[in-house]
């Protein structure tokens, strides 16, 4: 489940234009 969340956040960040690596520590 955590992986799915991380993936969702990554896609959301990329779409938003924010740094992908910023959400890396989230997982």
Protein backbone atom coordinates (compact mmCIF):
# COMPACT_ATOMS: atom_id res chain seq x y z
CA UNK A 1 0.00 0.00 0.00
CA UNK A 2 2.89 2.37 0.82
CA UNK A 3 4.38 1.81 -2.62
CA UNK A 4 1.09 2.77 -4.27
CA UNK A 5 0.93 5.94 -2.22
CA UNK A 6 4.50 6.83 -3.08
CA UNK A 7 3.77 6.23 -6.75
CA UNK A 8 0.64 8.36 -6.58
CA UNK A 9 2.55 11.18 -4.90
CA UNK A 10 5.35 10.93 -7.43
CA UNK A 11 2.97 11.21 -10.37
CA UNK A 12 1.14 14.07 -8.66
CA UNK A 13 4.38 15.91 -7.99
CA UNK A 14 5.61 15.46 -11.54
CA UNK A 15 2.30 16.77 -12.86
CA UNK A 16 2.37 19.68 -10.44
CA UNK A 17 5.93 20.44 -11.51
CA UNK A 18 7.38 20.03 -8.02
CA UNK A 19 10.65 18.15 -7.44
CA UNK A 20 10.07 14.40 -7.48
CA UNK A 21 12.93 13.82 -5.06
CA UNK A 22 11.10 16.04 -2.56
CA UNK A 23 8.55 13.26 -2.00
CA UNK A 24 11.22 10.54 -1.93
CA UNK A 25 11.61 10.67 1.88
CA UNK A 26 7.86 10.13 2.11
CA UNK A 27 8.18 6.42 1.32
